[in-house]
Protein backbone atom coordinates (compact mmCIF):
# COMPACT_ATOMS: atom_id res chain seq x y z
CA MET A 1 0.04 -0.27 0.13
CA LYS A 2 2.80 2.22 0.77
CA ARG A 3 4.56 1.63 -2.20
CA LEU A 4 1.61 2.29 -4.41
CA LEU A 5 1.43 6.15 -2.41
CA LEU A 6 4.80 6.82 -2.95
CA MET A 7 4.38 6.27 -6.77
CA PRO A 8 3.27 9.42 -7.95
CA VAL A 9 5.36 11.33 -5.43
CA LEU A 10 8.37 9.79 -7.14
CA ALA A 11 6.91 10.62 -10.62
CA LEU A 12 6.49 14.37 -9.30
CA LEU A 13 9.68 14.52 -8.26
CA ILE A 14 11.36 13.27 -11.65
CA LEU A 15 9.31 15.65 -13.92
CA LEU A 16 10.57 18.15 -11.83
CA ALA A 17 13.80 17.50 -12.26
CA ALA A 18 13.32 17.25 -16.00
CA LEU A 19 11.99 20.54 -16.13
CA GLN A 20 15.13 21.91 -14.34
CA GLU A 21 17.47 20.10 -16.39
CA PRO A 22 17.21 22.67 -19.39
CA ALA A 23 18.16 25.31 -17.25
CA THR A 24 22.00 24.63 -17.47
CA ALA A 25 21.47 24.43 -21.51
CA GLN A 26 19.47 27.64 -21.70
CA TYR A 27 20.10 30.34 -24.56
CA ASP A 28 21.72 32.71 -22.59
CA PRO A 29 21.74 36.28 -24.15
CA GLU A 30 25.27 37.09 -22.57
CA ARG A 31 26.81 34.34 -23.57
CA LEU A 32 25.34 34.43 -27.45
CA TYR A 33 26.86 38.04 -27.30
CA GLN A 34 30.35 37.46 -26.51
CA HIS A 35 30.14 34.43 -29.14
CA LEU A 36 29.65 37.17 -31.65
CA GLN A 37 31.70 39.35 -30.71
CA SER A 38 34.77 36.81 -30.48
CA VAL A 39 33.74 35.93 -34.22
CA TYR A 40 34.12 39.50 -35.20
CA ASP A 41 37.22 40.18 -33.43
CA ARG A 42 38.75 37.20 -35.03
CA ASN A 43 38.03 37.89 -38.30
CA ASP A 44 38.59 34.28 -39.81
CA GLY A 45 37.07 34.49 -43.45
CA ASP A 46 34.02 36.02 -44.55
CA VAL A 47 31.23 35.57 -41.93
CA SER A 48 29.48 38.90 -42.02
CA GLY A 49 26.45 36.59 -43.66
CA TYR A 50 26.44 34.39 -40.41
CA LEU A 51 26.85 37.54 -37.94
CA ILE A 52 24.28 39.27 -39.68
CA ASP A 53 21.91 36.74 -39.39
CA GLU A 54 22.42 36.07 -36.09
CA LEU A 55 22.80 39.67 -34.88
CA THR A 56 19.22 40.30 -36.57
CA GLN A 57 18.24 36.97 -34.52
CA PHE A 58 19.57 38.27 -31.29
CA GLY A 59 17.38 41.33 -31.80
CA LEU A 60 14.27 39.38 -32.20
CA ILE A 61 14.89 37.05 -29.42
CA PHE A 62 16.29 39.12 -27.03
CA PRO A 63 14.82 42.74 -27.69
CA ASP A 64 14.86 44.45 -24.40
CA ASP A 65 18.01 42.51 -22.94
CA ALA A 66 21.08 44.63 -21.80
CA ARG A 67 23.14 43.27 -24.53
CA ALA A 68 20.32 44.34 -26.95
CA ALA A 69 21.84 47.53 -28.04
CA ASP A 70 25.56 46.30 -28.17
CA ALA A 71 24.32 43.54 -30.75
CA SER A 72 22.23 46.67 -32.45
CA TRP A 73 25.67 48.41 -33.11
CA LEU A 74 27.64 45.63 -33.88
CA LEU A 75 25.36 44.96 -36.73
CA ALA A 76 25.62 48.55 -37.99
CA LYS A 77 29.18 48.44 -37.81
CA ILE A 78 29.33 45.07 -39.91
CA TYR A 79 27.24 46.63 -42.25
CA LEU A 80 29.02 49.39 -42.61
CA ASP A 81 32.45 47.13 -43.13
CA LYS A 82 30.84 45.23 -45.87
CA ASN A 83 29.97 48.76 -47.68
CA LYS A 84 26.28 48.42 -47.02
CA ARG A 85 25.99 51.95 -46.27
CA HIS A 86 22.21 51.91 -46.29
CA GLU A 87 21.56 49.06 -43.85
CA ALA A 88 24.35 50.51 -41.76
CA LEU A 89 22.49 53.73 -41.71
CA ALA A 90 19.22 52.21 -40.41
CA ALA A 91 20.95 49.90 -38.15
CA ALA A 92 22.65 52.92 -36.17
CA PHE A 93 19.67 55.01 -36.20
CA LYS A 94 17.71 51.84 -34.83
CA THR A 95 20.43 51.84 -31.95
CA LEU A 96 20.22 55.56 -31.14
CA TYR A 97 15.84 55.14 -31.24
CA LEU A 98 15.73 52.24 -29.53
CA TYR A 99 18.43 52.05 -27.07
CA PRO A 100 19.05 55.72 -26.32
CA ARG A 101 22.10 56.73 -24.39
CA SER A 102 23.48 53.66 -25.38
CA LEU A 103 27.59 52.89 -24.89
CA HIS A 104 27.86 52.76 -28.25
CA GLU A 105 26.08 56.17 -29.29
CA GLY A 106 28.66 58.39 -30.44
CA GLU A 107 29.75 55.38 -32.84
CA CYS A 108 26.43 55.10 -34.16
CA ARG A 109 26.44 58.78 -34.85
CA ASP A 110 29.74 58.62 -36.48
CA ILE A 111 28.54 55.77 -38.83
CA ILE A 112 25.40 57.73 -39.74
CA GLN A 113 27.52 60.79 -40.43
CA ASN A 114 29.82 58.64 -42.77
CA VAL A 115 27.14 57.12 -44.92
CA LEU A 116 25.51 60.44 -45.34
CA ALA A 117 29.17 61.82 -46.51
CA ARG A 118 29.32 59.02 -49.08
CA GLU A 119 25.41 58.63 -50.29
CA VAL A 120 24.31 61.78 -52.30
CA VAL A 121 21.11 60.36 -52.11
CA TYR A 122 20.33 61.20 -48.65
CA ALA A 123 21.30 64.94 -49.31
CA PRO A 124 17.61 66.28 -49.70
CA LYS A 125 16.72 64.29 -46.27
CA LYS A 126 20.09 65.96 -44.93
CA GLY A 127 18.41 68.03 -42.48
CA LEU A 128 15.53 65.60 -41.12
CA LEU A 129 18.66 62.97 -41.24
CA GLU A 130 20.93 65.03 -38.77
CA SER A 131 18.35 66.20 -36.54
CA ALA A 132 16.96 62.69 -35.85
CA VAL A 133 20.65 61.55 -34.72
CA TYR A 134 19.57 62.82 -31.27
CA GLY A 135 17.38 59.74 -31.12
CA THR A 136 14.47 59.69 -28.45
CA ALA A 137 14.11 60.53 -25.04
CA VAL A 138 15.61 58.50 -22.26
CA ASP A 139 12.49 58.22 -20.60
CA ALA A 140 10.38 57.31 -23.27
CA ALA A 141 8.44 53.78 -23.56
CA THR A 142 9.56 51.09 -25.89
CA LEU A 143 6.67 51.60 -27.90
CA GLU A 144 6.75 54.94 -28.18
CA ARG A 145 10.86 54.37 -29.36
CA TRP A 146 9.36 52.29 -31.95
CA HIS A 147 6.42 54.48 -33.27
CA ALA A 148 9.33 57.33 -33.22
CA TYR A 149 11.71 54.98 -35.34
CA LEU A 150 9.16 53.54 -37.79
CA ASN A 151 7.99 57.16 -38.45
CA LEU A 152 11.85 57.96 -39.31
CA LEU A 153 12.00 55.46 -41.89
CA LYS A 154 8.78 56.25 -43.48
CA ASP A 155 9.86 59.96 -43.61
CA LEU A 156 12.79 58.93 -45.17
CA ASP A 157 11.03 57.05 -47.83
CA GLN A 158 14.67 55.52 -49.21
CA PRO A 159 13.95 52.74 -51.70
CA ARG A 160 17.05 50.59 -50.94
CA LEU A 161 15.71 50.59 -47.52
CA TYR A 162 12.10 49.54 -48.29
CA ASP A 163 12.62 45.44 -47.50
CA TRP A 164 14.10 46.91 -44.25
CA SER A 165 11.30 48.88 -43.55
CA LEU A 166 9.20 46.18 -44.21
CA THR A 167 10.92 43.72 -42.12
CA GLU A 168 10.69 46.50 -39.36
CA ALA A 169 7.09 46.86 -39.66
CA ARG A 170 6.36 43.30 -39.30
CA THR A 171 8.70 43.07 -36.19
CA PHE A 172 6.55 45.83 -34.54
CA VAL A 173 3.32 44.14 -35.39
CA THR A 174 4.91 40.94 -33.80
CA ARG A 175 5.68 42.65 -30.37
CA PHE A 176 3.07 44.95 -30.09
CA PRO A 177 -0.27 43.41 -31.75
CA GLY A 178 -2.45 45.11 -29.23
CA ASP A 179 -1.38 48.43 -29.51
CA SER A 180 -4.14 51.36 -30.70
CA LEU A 181 -1.84 52.86 -32.87
CA ILE A 182 -0.96 49.62 -35.19
CA TYR A 183 -3.52 50.48 -38.03
CA PRO A 184 -1.28 52.96 -39.78
CA VAL A 185 1.84 50.40 -39.26
CA LEU A 186 -0.41 47.73 -41.30
CA GLU A 187 -1.15 50.48 -43.85
CA TRP A 188 2.44 51.34 -44.36
CA THR A 189 2.89 47.67 -45.01
CA GLY A 190 0.83 47.74 -47.81
CA ASP A 191 2.63 51.06 -49.36
CA LEU A 192 5.93 49.22 -48.88
CA TYR A 193 4.91 46.10 -50.88
CA GLN A 194 3.49 48.28 -53.62
CA ARG A 195 6.59 50.41 -53.84
CA LEU A 196 8.60 46.97 -53.80
CA GLY A 197 6.37 45.66 -57.28
CA LYS A 198 4.61 43.18 -54.80
CA ILE A 199 1.35 43.70 -56.14
CA TRP A 200 -1.01 41.33 -54.66
CA GLU A 201 0.87 41.33 -51.60
CA ALA A 202 -0.04 45.28 -51.45
CA ILE A 203 -3.70 44.50 -52.45
CA TYR A 204 -4.15 42.13 -49.83
CA SER A 205 -2.29 44.37 -47.22
CA TYR A 206 -4.78 47.00 -48.16
CA ARG A 207 -7.60 44.35 -48.05
CA LYS A 208 -6.78 42.69 -44.52
CA LEU A 209 -7.13 46.47 -43.25
CA GLU A 210 -11.08 46.16 -45.00
CA GLU A 211 -11.77 43.16 -43.02
CA ILE A 212 -10.42 43.72 -39.92
CA PHE A 213 -11.17 47.22 -39.42
CA PRO A 214 -14.18 47.80 -41.48
CA ASP A 215 -15.05 51.30 -39.84
CA HIS A 216 -11.59 52.72 -39.08
CA PRO A 217 -12.08 56.31 -40.26
CA GLN A 218 -8.55 56.02 -42.45
CA LEU A 219 -9.70 52.97 -44.08
CA PRO A 220 -10.78 55.31 -47.77
CA TYR A 221 -7.19 55.40 -48.15
CA ALA A 222 -6.66 51.76 -48.02
CA LEU A 223 -9.55 51.29 -50.15
CA HIS A 224 -8.38 53.82 -52.98
CA GLN A 225 -5.30 52.21 -53.36
CA GLN A 226 -6.67 48.78 -53.38
CA ALA A 227 -8.64 49.95 -56.40
CA LEU A 228 -5.88 51.66 -58.53
CA LEU A 229 -3.88 48.46 -58.47
CA LEU A 230 -7.12 46.07 -58.82
CA SER A 231 -7.45 48.42 -62.07
CA GLU A 232 -4.00 49.70 -63.14
CA ARG A 233 -1.86 46.42 -62.28
CA ALA A 234 -4.37 43.67 -61.99
CA ALA A 235 -7.30 44.47 -64.72
CA LYS A 236 -9.95 43.92 -62.05
CA HIS A 237 -11.98 46.58 -63.05
CA GLU A 238 -15.35 45.77 -61.28
CA ASP A 239 -13.48 44.94 -57.94
CA ALA A 240 -11.68 48.22 -58.26
CA VAL A 241 -15.44 50.03 -58.63
CA SER A 242 -16.57 48.08 -55.78
CA ARG A 243 -14.08 49.55 -53.49
CA LEU A 244 -14.46 53.01 -54.55
CA THR A 245 -17.91 52.69 -54.48
CA ARG A 246 -17.70 51.52 -50.93
CA ILE A 247 -15.95 54.93 -50.30
CA LEU A 248 -18.93 57.02 -51.56
CA ALA A 249 -21.58 54.96 -49.98
CA HIS A 250 -19.57 54.91 -45.99
CA TYR A 251 -17.28 57.70 -46.24
CA PRO A 252 -18.68 60.30 -48.36
CA GLU A 253 -17.05 63.04 -46.08
CA SER A 254 -13.52 61.61 -46.98
CA ASP A 255 -11.19 63.59 -48.76
CA PHE A 256 -11.01 60.47 -51.06
CA ALA A 257 -14.60 60.81 -52.00
CA PRO A 258 -14.40 63.20 -54.86
CA THR A 259 -11.21 61.04 -55.81
CA ALA A 260 -13.26 57.81 -55.94
CA ALA A 261 -15.95 59.27 -57.99
CA TYR A 262 -13.39 60.59 -60.61
CA THR A 263 -11.73 57.00 -60.42
CA ILE A 264 -15.13 55.54 -60.93
CA GLY A 265 -15.68 57.52 -63.82
CA LYS A 266 -12.33 57.06 -65.42
CA ILE A 267 -12.61 53.40 -64.91
CA LYS A 268 -16.14 53.37 -66.43
CA GLU A 269 -15.18 55.10 -69.44
CA ARG A 270 -11.94 53.52 -70.41
CA GLU A 271 -11.97 50.17 -69.30
CA LEU A 272 -15.40 48.87 -69.02
CA LYS A 273 -16.92 50.96 -71.79
CA ASP A 274 -20.10 51.81 -69.50
CA TYR A 275 -20.59 55.28 -71.02
CA ASN A 276 -23.51 56.04 -68.77
CA GLY A 277 -22.35 54.56 -65.98
CA ALA A 278 -19.19 57.08 -66.40
CA ILE A 279 -21.20 60.10 -66.73
CA GLU A 280 -23.36 58.98 -63.66
CA ALA A 281 -19.82 59.01 -61.63
CA TYR A 282 -18.35 62.21 -62.97
CA ARG A 283 -21.78 63.78 -62.34
CA LYS A 284 -21.31 62.97 -58.64
CA LEU A 285 -18.16 64.82 -58.45
CA VAL A 286 -19.49 67.83 -59.94
CA ALA A 287 -22.61 67.75 -58.03
CA GLY A 288 -21.06 66.91 -55.07
CA TRP A 289 -17.56 68.83 -55.05
CA PRO A 290 -18.49 71.77 -57.37
CA LYS A 291 -15.34 73.21 -56.36
CA ASP A 292 -13.00 70.43 -56.96
CA GLU A 293 -10.06 71.22 -59.30
CA ARG A 294 -11.56 68.24 -61.50
CA ALA A 295 -14.76 69.62 -62.01
CA VAL A 296 -14.14 71.24 -65.51
CA GLU A 297 -12.08 68.27 -66.65
CA VAL A 298 -15.00 65.84 -66.08
CA LEU A 299 -17.54 68.11 -67.46
CA LEU A 300 -15.38 68.00 -70.53
CA ALA A 301 -14.98 64.24 -70.47
CA ILE A 302 -19.11 63.95 -70.12
CA ALA A 303 -19.46 66.42 -73.32
CA ASP A 304 -17.04 64.30 -75.30
CA ILE A 305 -19.01 61.04 -74.11
CA GLN A 306 -22.35 62.58 -74.90
CA ASP A 307 -21.00 63.91 -78.69
CA ARG A 308 -18.38 61.01 -79.61
CA ARG A 309 -19.58 58.07 -78.13
CA LEU A 310 -23.67 58.42 -77.34
CA LYS A 311 -24.13 61.08 -80.20
CA GLN A 312 -26.46 62.81 -77.74
CA TYR A 313 -25.52 66.38 -79.02
CA ASP A 314 -27.83 68.51 -77.69
CA LEU A 315 -26.79 67.18 -73.94
CA ALA A 316 -23.03 67.45 -75.39
CA LEU A 317 -24.05 71.24 -76.05
CA ALA A 318 -25.57 71.91 -72.68
CA THR A 319 -22.65 70.26 -70.92
CA TYR A 320 -20.05 72.67 -72.73
CA ASP A 321 -22.57 75.47 -71.75
CA GLU A 322 -22.58 74.84 -68.46
CA ILE A 323 -18.58 75.14 -68.35
CA ILE A 324 -18.67 78.58 -69.62
CA LYS A 325 -21.66 79.79 -67.26
CA ASP A 326 -20.43 77.82 -63.91
CA TYR A 327 -16.77 77.96 -64.31
CA VAL A 328 -16.25 81.21 -66.73
CA SER A 329 -13.19 82.19 -64.95
CA ASP A 330 -11.51 78.54 -65.73
CA PRO A 331 -9.20 78.69 -68.65
CA ARG A 332 -10.64 75.38 -70.18
CA GLY A 333 -13.90 77.06 -70.66
CA ALA A 334 -12.23 78.47 -74.12
CA ARG A 335 -11.57 74.44 -75.09
CA ALA A 336 -15.42 74.23 -74.29
CA LEU A 337 -16.15 76.93 -76.62
CA GLU A 338 -14.03 75.57 -79.62
CA LEU A 339 -15.63 72.12 -78.95
CA THR A 340 -19.03 73.63 -79.16
CA GLY A 341 -18.05 74.76 -82.51
CA ASP A 342 -16.82 71.79 -83.54
CA LEU A 343 -19.75 70.34 -82.88
CA TYR A 344 -21.66 72.72 -84.63
CA ALA A 345 -19.44 72.49 -87.66
CA GLU A 346 -18.80 68.83 -88.04
CA ASN A 347 -22.02 67.19 -86.77
CA LEU A 348 -25.25 69.36 -86.98
CA LYS A 349 -23.60 71.70 -90.16
CA ASP A 350 -24.76 74.73 -88.46
CA TYR A 351 -22.02 77.01 -89.32
CA LEU A 352 -23.24 80.04 -88.19
CA ASN A 353 -23.11 78.96 -84.58
CA ALA A 354 -20.09 77.36 -85.10
CA ALA A 355 -18.78 80.66 -86.29
CA SER A 356 -20.04 82.49 -83.17
CA SER A 357 -18.58 79.86 -80.52
CA TYR A 358 -15.05 80.18 -81.91
CA ALA A 359 -15.38 83.82 -81.90
CA ARG A 360 -16.62 84.18 -78.44
CA VAL A 361 -13.32 82.81 -77.19
CA SER A 362 -11.50 86.24 -78.02
CA LYS A 363 -14.69 87.64 -75.90
CA LEU A 364 -14.52 85.30 -72.67
CA TYR A 365 -10.73 84.52 -72.92
CA THR A 366 -9.04 86.97 -74.57
CA ALA A 367 -5.62 85.75 -73.37
CA ASP A 368 -6.17 82.31 -74.74
CA GLU A 369 -3.25 81.40 -77.19
CA LYS A 370 -5.68 80.05 -79.93
CA ALA A 371 -8.14 82.72 -80.09
CA PRO A 372 -6.28 84.31 -83.49
CA ASP A 373 -6.60 81.00 -84.92
CA LEU A 374 -10.11 80.73 -84.01
CA LEU A 375 -10.98 84.07 -85.25
CA ILE A 376 -9.96 82.97 -88.71
CA LYS A 377 -11.51 79.73 -88.48
CA ALA A 378 -14.45 81.67 -87.84
CA GLY A 379 -14.07 83.95 -90.60
CA ASP A 380 -13.25 80.76 -93.00
CA LEU A 381 -16.79 79.30 -92.12
CA CYS A 382 -18.89 82.53 -93.17
CA ALA A 383 -16.63 82.91 -96.02
CA GLU A 384 -16.38 79.34 -97.66
CA ARG A 385 -19.88 77.98 -96.09
CA LEU A 386 -22.26 80.81 -95.85
CA LYS A 387 -20.72 83.10 -98.56
CA ASP A 388 -21.08 85.82 -95.91
CA TYR A 389 -17.77 87.51 -96.92
CA ARG A 390 -19.01 90.68 -94.68
CA LYS A 391 -19.39 88.74 -91.86
CA ALA A 392 -16.25 86.73 -92.52
CA ILE A 393 -14.08 90.16 -92.99
CA GLU A 394 -15.36 91.58 -89.45
CA TYR A 395 -13.87 88.04 -88.03
CA TYR A 396 -11.10 88.85 -90.08
CA GLU A 397 -10.30 92.03 -88.57
CA MET A 398 -10.49 91.31 -85.15
CA VAL A 399 -7.49 89.27 -85.47
CA ALA A 400 -5.54 92.55 -86.03
CA ASN A 401 -7.62 94.87 -83.65
CA LEU A 402 -7.43 92.31 -80.73
CA TYR A 403 -3.81 90.51 -81.44
CA PRO A 404 -1.65 93.35 -83.07
CA ALA A 405 1.37 91.38 -82.31
CA SER A 406 0.04 87.68 -83.46
CA LYS A 407 1.58 86.07 -86.32
CA LYS A 408 -1.88 85.56 -87.81
CA VAL A 409 -2.36 88.78 -88.54
CA LYS A 410 -0.50 88.75 -92.03
CA GLU A 411 -2.66 85.69 -92.71
CA ALA A 412 -5.82 87.59 -91.49
CA ASN A 413 -4.87 90.40 -93.86
CA LYS A 414 -4.76 88.03 -97.05
CA ARG A 415 -8.17 86.71 -96.16
CA ILE A 416 -9.33 90.08 -95.99
CA ASP A 417 -8.13 91.11 -99.43
CA LYS A 418 -9.40 88.03 -100.80
CA ALA A 419 -12.95 88.17 -99.25
CA SER A 420 -13.08 91.86 -100.35
CA LYS A 421 -12.42 90.84 -103.92
CA LYS A 422 -15.02 88.43 -103.81
CA ILE A 423 -17.61 91.12 -102.51
CA THR A 424 -16.55 93.26 -105.47
CA ASP A 425 -16.78 90.44 -107.65
CA ASN A 426 -20.48 89.89 -106.65
CA LEU A 427 -21.54 93.68 -107.39
């Protein structure tokens, strides 16, 4: 009986001994760093790849250990030794930001100055980088230091560091998955994938935000970027329209809403050949954001669709007139008048209104460079199509009167002589 009672106790003791045994074989950060430092000091052949891998892993396994700053600095030094200056710069800044006031602070700044002196690509950001060498506050929390470090990489926006930045962003997410400010970091990973040309990785990074944070106020950016990639790089035009439509439906106050309407219009016009759908999207932009800088552009696009695609000439004329009335100060109104004249002349054979439209450019948009040409064009219609030589001369004379320095004056004068001869011949 006693033997039976002792059996569980014996088993427990064996288990405890087994659990304690690995402690003597623990992966110790101090011993690991001493090993890596000695490998570096011995300089036995090219072991830089080994050291880079091991030191990078050290930072992932022991990010808060007392030796983490030493490992980060040594990594920067090895990168510089191997002439990988961009990585050396990033590793040095990482040491300064994540481990402020470390023993290697001065050496990290020397590495940074070395890189800045040799890499001209950093010249435009030199001011930013020179002020960044002071790192973060000593009393800043680890999370705050990481945010500052990632923001530096983001502001730097160096193509040679996109892979590095992506790795660091993913490391941050691994360490701080519950951070309230994780959204912009995840959004940035999508941007980095896009800049690296990894289109589907970028698309699904943005879609991850859509599915995990369906009501986040910054979501319109991810929806818009996803839509552009789907349409322009993956030829998934319907999917792109779906994402943009979501912006208009759920985020009408977003800065991306007018752009969403504009992009839907472009996709439907150019890719899907859904011309009525394109007009509808363009109209949403004009109605919702009449002061948007693209309003006149989309009205011109609407009129062009109505004219060339749908043959709805009356509607096209009304749209051109809308531009002239509602956006009279916009210089593109001159093009609306010119296109009105073209429509009258080419499609409706209404040469009188065509000539009048061409001539109105010189009245409403005096400084337009095509105004002298359009006055001659108006005169030609009167002379050649309407046989109204007096009206033709009136338009020709406007060239010299309104634009005396124009090279078209000589041409207009020749036409005046020709029209005057016609009048004389018909007497």
